[in-house]
Protein backbone atom coordinates (compact mmCIF):
# COMPACT_ATOMS: atom_id res chain seq x y z
CA MET A 1 -64.92 13.08 26.88
CA LEU A 2 -63.20 16.40 26.17
CA THR A 3 -64.94 19.12 28.22
CA GLY A 4 -64.21 22.45 29.86
CA PRO A 5 -64.09 26.05 28.59
CA GLY A 6 -60.88 25.53 26.64
CA TYR A 7 -62.19 22.51 24.75
CA THR A 8 -65.79 23.35 23.95
CA THR A 9 -64.84 26.32 21.76
CA LEU A 10 -62.07 24.51 19.84
CA VAL A 11 -62.14 24.87 16.07
CA SER A 12 -59.11 22.67 15.33
CA LEU A 13 -57.71 19.71 17.30
CA ASP A 14 -54.46 17.83 16.55
CA LEU A 15 -54.10 14.49 18.36
CA SER A 16 -51.66 12.95 15.87
CA TYR A 17 -48.62 10.86 16.85
CA ASN A 18 -50.04 9.64 20.13
CA LYS A 19 -50.82 6.06 21.09
CA ILE A 20 -54.59 6.42 20.99
CA ALA A 21 -56.11 2.96 20.56
CA LYS A 22 -59.75 3.76 21.28
CA ILE A 23 -62.26 6.59 21.20
CA SER A 24 -65.80 6.47 22.59
CA PRO A 25 -69.03 7.72 20.96
CA THR A 26 -68.95 10.73 23.31
CA THR A 27 -65.23 11.67 23.12
CA PHE A 28 -65.92 14.69 20.89
CA SER A 29 -69.63 15.20 21.68
CA ARG A 30 -69.13 18.56 23.46
CA LEU A 31 -66.96 20.04 20.71
CA ARG A 32 -69.76 21.91 18.95
CA TYR A 33 -67.44 24.18 16.92
CA LEU A 34 -64.80 21.65 15.87
CA GLU A 35 -64.04 21.92 12.14
CA SER A 36 -60.70 20.10 11.81
CA LEU A 37 -59.64 16.89 13.60
CA ASP A 38 -56.28 15.15 13.15
CA LEU A 39 -56.10 11.61 14.56
CA SER A 40 -53.36 10.40 12.21
CA HIS A 41 -50.48 8.15 13.31
CA ASN A 42 -52.29 6.49 16.19
CA SER A 43 -53.41 2.91 16.89
CA LEU A 44 -57.14 3.10 16.22
CA GLU A 45 -58.70 -0.19 15.10
CA VAL A 46 -62.41 0.69 15.40
CA LEU A 47 -64.51 3.85 15.11
CA PRO A 48 -67.72 3.84 17.18
CA GLU A 49 -70.95 4.93 15.54
CA ASP A 50 -71.83 8.65 15.83
CA CYS A 51 -68.40 9.56 17.26
CA PHE A 52 -68.10 12.57 14.91
CA SER A 53 -71.77 13.51 14.49
CA SER A 54 -71.93 16.36 17.04
CA SER A 55 -69.23 18.54 15.46
CA PRO A 56 -69.40 20.60 12.22
CA LEU A 57 -66.29 18.89 10.85
CA GLY A 58 -64.83 19.80 7.47
CA ASP A 59 -61.57 17.81 7.74
CA ILE A 60 -60.92 14.45 9.42
CA ASP A 61 -57.45 12.87 9.16
CA LEU A 62 -57.39 9.20 10.21
CA SER A 63 -54.38 8.20 8.14
CA ASN A 64 -51.74 5.79 9.46
CA ASN A 65 -53.91 3.96 11.98
CA LYS A 66 -54.88 0.27 12.20
CA LEU A 67 -58.47 0.40 10.96
CA LEU A 68 -59.53 -2.95 9.44
CA ASP A 69 -63.01 -2.02 8.24
CA ILE A 70 -65.17 1.05 8.43
CA SER A 71 -68.73 2.17 7.88
CA MET A 72 -69.12 5.43 5.97
CA ASP A 73 -72.09 6.20 8.24
CA VAL A 74 -69.66 7.25 10.97
CA PHE A 75 -69.07 10.44 8.94
CA ALA A 76 -72.77 11.36 8.62
CA SER A 77 -73.77 14.54 10.41
CA LYS A 78 -76.94 14.99 12.45
CA GLY A 79 -77.69 18.30 10.76
CA GLN A 80 -77.02 19.54 7.26
CA GLY A 81 -73.38 18.47 7.12
CA LYS A 82 -70.80 20.73 5.52
CA PRO A 83 -68.55 19.33 2.74
CA LEU A 84 -66.10 16.90 4.32
CA ASN A 85 -62.53 15.83 3.51
CA VAL A 86 -61.68 12.38 4.91
CA ASP A 87 -58.18 10.86 4.89
CA LEU A 88 -58.15 7.11 5.58
CA SER A 89 -54.86 6.40 3.81
CA TYR A 90 -52.38 3.84 5.13
CA ASN A 91 -54.69 1.83 7.34
CA MET A 92 -55.48 -1.88 6.96
CA LEU A 93 -58.91 -1.45 5.40
CA SER A 94 -60.22 -4.46 3.50
CA ALA A 95 -63.93 -3.62 3.77
CA ILE A 96 -65.94 -0.41 3.58
CA THR A 97 -69.68 -0.50 4.22
CA ARG A 98 -72.63 1.85 4.27
CA HIS A 99 -76.22 1.49 5.52
CA HIS A 100 -78.41 3.06 2.85
CA GLU A 101 -81.28 3.83 5.23
CA LYS A 102 -79.04 6.28 7.12
CA SER A 103 -78.30 9.85 6.06
CA ILE A 104 -75.67 10.25 3.35
CA PRO A 105 -72.32 11.58 4.59
CA ASN A 106 -71.37 14.75 2.70
CA ILE A 107 -67.85 13.54 1.83
CA GLN A 108 -66.36 15.33 -1.18
CA ASN A 109 -62.71 14.30 -0.84
CA LEU A 110 -61.86 10.70 0.16
CA ASN A 111 -58.34 9.29 0.37
CA LEU A 112 -58.23 5.48 0.63
CA SER A 113 -54.68 4.99 -0.68
CA GLY A 114 -52.34 2.39 0.81
CA ASN A 115 -55.01 0.05 2.18
CA ARG A 116 -55.95 -3.60 1.52
CA LEU A 117 -58.99 -3.14 -0.71
CA THR A 118 -59.28 -5.88 -3.36
CA SER A 119 -62.31 -4.30 -5.04
CA VAL A 120 -63.68 -0.77 -5.44
CA PRO A 121 -65.91 -0.08 -2.41
CA ASN A 122 -69.57 0.78 -2.89
CA LEU A 123 -69.71 4.55 -2.32
CA GLN A 124 -72.94 5.05 -4.26
CA GLY A 125 -74.75 8.32 -3.57
CA ILE A 126 -71.90 9.98 -1.65
CA PRO A 127 -71.25 13.35 -3.39
CA LEU A 128 -67.55 12.62 -3.96
CA ARG A 129 -65.52 14.95 -6.13
CA TYR A 130 -62.07 13.46 -5.41
CA LEU A 131 -61.32 9.75 -4.81
CA ASN A 132 -57.85 8.26 -4.27
CA LEU A 133 -57.44 4.45 -4.33
CA ASP A 134 -53.67 4.41 -5.05
CA GLY A 135 -51.60 1.47 -3.84
CA ASN A 136 -54.45 -0.94 -3.08
CA PRO A 137 -54.35 -4.58 -4.28
CA LEU A 138 -57.13 -4.01 -6.84
CA LEU A 139 -56.69 -6.64 -9.55
CA ARG A 140 -59.24 -5.19 -11.96
CA ILE A 141 -61.80 -2.43 -12.35
CA GLU A 142 -65.27 -3.77 -13.15
CA LYS A 143 -68.24 -2.28 -14.96
CA GLY A 144 -70.51 -0.73 -12.34
CA ASP A 145 -67.74 -0.06 -9.80
CA PHE A 146 -68.39 3.69 -9.93
CA VAL A 147 -72.20 3.71 -10.14
CA GLY A 148 -73.72 6.71 -8.37
CA LEU A 149 -70.55 8.84 -8.37
CA LYS A 150 -71.87 11.37 -10.87
CA ASP A 151 -70.07 14.33 -9.21
CA LEU A 152 -66.57 12.78 -9.28
CA ILE A 153 -64.04 15.01 -11.07
CA HIS A 154 -60.71 13.42 -9.99
CA LEU A 155 -60.01 9.67 -9.75
CA SER A 156 -56.58 8.28 -8.86
CA LEU A 157 -55.84 4.57 -9.44
CA SER A 158 -52.04 4.71 -9.44
CA GLY A 159 -49.68 1.92 -8.35
CA LEU A 160 -52.30 -0.80 -7.79
CA HIS A 161 -50.60 -4.06 -6.72
CA GLY A 162 -51.16 -6.83 -9.29
CA PHE A 163 -53.56 -4.70 -11.32
CA GLY A 164 -53.83 -5.26 -15.05
CA GLU A 165 -57.39 -5.15 -16.34
CA LEU A 166 -59.98 -2.49 -17.05
CA SER A 167 -63.37 -3.98 -17.94
CA PRO A 168 -65.31 -2.45 -20.86
CA TYR A 169 -67.51 0.50 -19.84
CA CYS A 170 -66.03 0.55 -16.29
CA PHE A 171 -65.91 4.38 -16.28
CA LYS A 172 -69.23 4.87 -18.09
CA GLU A 173 -70.97 6.53 -15.11
CA LEU A 174 -68.25 9.13 -14.56
CA GLN A 175 -69.69 11.80 -16.84
CA ALA A 176 -68.15 14.68 -14.82
CA LEU A 177 -64.64 13.18 -14.45
CA GLN A 178 -61.88 15.60 -15.51
CA VAL A 179 -58.70 13.86 -14.28
CA LEU A 180 -57.97 10.10 -14.40
CA ASP A 181 -54.63 8.83 -13.04
CA LEU A 182 -53.75 5.24 -14.01
CA SER A 183 -49.98 5.72 -13.74
CA SER A 184 -47.47 3.18 -12.38
CA ASN A 185 -49.51 0.13 -13.38
CA PRO A 186 -46.97 -1.75 -15.56
CA ASN A 187 -49.30 -4.72 -16.17
CA LEU A 188 -51.87 -2.48 -17.85
CA LYS A 189 -51.02 -3.10 -21.51
CA SER A 190 -53.85 -1.57 -23.54
CA LEU A 191 -56.75 0.86 -23.43
CA THR A 192 -59.76 0.06 -25.62
CA ALA A 193 -62.45 2.41 -26.89
CA GLU A 194 -64.96 0.60 -24.65
CA VAL A 195 -62.90 1.43 -21.55
CA ILE A 196 -62.86 5.19 -22.23
CA PHE A 197 -66.52 5.24 -23.30
CA GLY A 198 -68.54 7.85 -21.39
CA LEU A 199 -65.61 10.01 -20.26
CA ASN A 200 -67.05 13.06 -22.00
CA SER A 201 -65.59 15.61 -19.54
CA LEU A 202 -62.11 14.07 -19.18
CA GLN A 203 -59.32 16.63 -19.68
CA GLU A 204 -56.25 14.82 -18.34
CA LEU A 205 -55.32 11.12 -18.59
CA ASN A 206 -52.12 9.83 -16.97
CA LEU A 207 -50.85 6.46 -18.22
CA SER A 208 -47.15 7.01 -17.45
CA GLY A 209 -45.41 3.92 -16.10
CA THR A 210 -47.93 1.59 -17.78
CA GLY A 211 -47.57 -0.71 -20.78
CA VAL A 212 -49.98 1.43 -22.82
CA SER A 213 -48.03 2.86 -25.76
CA SER A 214 -50.91 3.78 -28.09
CA LEU A 215 -54.56 4.78 -28.01
CA PRO A 216 -57.61 3.60 -29.95
CA LYS A 217 -57.87 5.41 -33.32
CA THR A 218 -61.24 6.78 -32.17
CA ALA A 219 -59.80 8.25 -28.94
CA LEU A 220 -60.88 11.83 -29.67
CA LYS A 221 -64.42 10.72 -30.43
CA TYR A 222 -64.75 9.24 -26.94
CA LEU A 223 -62.70 11.93 -25.19
CA PRO A 224 -64.13 15.17 -26.64
CA SER A 225 -62.82 17.36 -23.77
CA ILE A 226 -59.31 15.88 -23.51
CA LYS A 227 -56.36 18.29 -23.31
CA SER A 228 -53.42 16.03 -22.44
CA ILE A 229 -52.57 12.34 -22.24
CA THR A 230 -49.34 10.85 -20.90
CA LEU A 231 -48.62 7.36 -22.22
CA GLY A 232 -46.13 4.76 -20.95
CA LYS A 233 -42.46 5.65 -21.47
CA ASN A 234 -43.33 9.33 -20.88
CA ILE A 235 -44.94 10.01 -24.23
CA GLN A 236 -46.91 13.26 -23.97
CA CYS A 237 -49.96 13.81 -26.19
CA LEU A 238 -51.51 17.28 -26.47
CA LYS A 239 -54.64 18.27 -28.34
CA THR A 240 -54.48 21.11 -30.85
CA ILE A 241 -57.07 22.51 -33.21
CA LYS A 242 -56.03 22.94 -36.82
CA GLU A 243 -57.91 24.78 -39.52
CA GLY A 244 -59.07 22.50 -42.28
CA GLN A 245 -60.52 23.09 -45.72
CA TYR A 246 -62.86 25.88 -46.71
CA HIS A 247 -66.40 24.82 -47.60
CA ARG A 248 -68.75 27.21 -49.37
CA GLN A 249 -71.75 26.19 -47.25
CA ILE A 250 -70.17 25.90 -43.79
CA GLY A 251 -67.07 28.07 -44.08
CA LEU A 252 -63.75 27.08 -42.57
CA THR A 253 -63.71 23.65 -40.93
CA LYS A 254 -61.59 22.80 -37.92
CA LYS A 255 -59.89 19.54 -37.06
CA GLU A 256 -58.86 18.41 -33.60
CA VAL A 257 -55.48 16.66 -33.57
CA LEU A 258 -53.83 14.77 -30.71
CA SER A 259 -50.06 14.96 -31.30
CA CYS A 260 -47.71 12.70 -29.31
CA HIS A 261 -44.04 13.40 -28.55
CA ASN A 262 -41.44 11.76 -26.33
CA SER A 263 -39.29 13.53 -23.74
CA HIS A 264 -36.78 14.53 -26.45
CA GLY A 265 -39.49 16.32 -28.42
CA SER A 266 -39.54 13.94 -31.37
CA VAL A 267 -42.78 12.46 -32.70
CA ALA A 268 -43.47 9.29 -30.74
CA ALA A 269 -46.70 8.03 -32.30
CA ALA A 270 -49.13 8.73 -35.09
CA SER A 271 -51.44 11.69 -34.52
CA TYR A 272 -55.06 11.08 -33.60
CA VAL A 273 -57.54 13.14 -35.61
CA SER A 274 -61.19 13.76 -34.78
């Protein structure tokens, strides 16, 4: 337990690059003002229940440890928890659990990149805005994987080992999503209209380093907010609005056009028109 006048008033604590293999439920219990905790680059395998619940933490860095599985309940606060950023990247996580009868951890930014997750963990109800699953051995993304993540605005699924399939309607629940990164997945060969269904708020789609070289003809219908798309082979597509014909009843019409060019600036694919 960390006690004494110097510790109890701490706002930030950096314990990174030590050889810490274990913490107890009471290690940080007296740190009532602690907002930032860095435990990265240690040898932690297990996190005891309630080990963070006494401090008003806003940032917890647990990256580069040896965690095999974790319960999201460990990040729940006893009081009205402030928004929390949690970095669990580069551990050995193959399972993530949560007990639904317990209070919901107020995690808004969660980094799970570089772990051993073979499926998208159930994070239902957590008010996530940013989720990073890069570099996990996820073979496919299933319909229902993102149920209950209605606040998510940024999802990164880059460099997934062995990944190659997006199930129809797998992003349907992500109505608020603005950025979707699917880059560096060379086995991903196509993107159907059913896959992008429901992404009404999406502004940026990154497919660089994939096998996707074209979009469904109805892309703009399903992506009404899109501003830019990067396809495989670094083809950049930008949306512009062009004035159309003049109608006596409705005046000047406008057409949305998605124009695609390669890195040399030449037209790389047919334009997509709404």
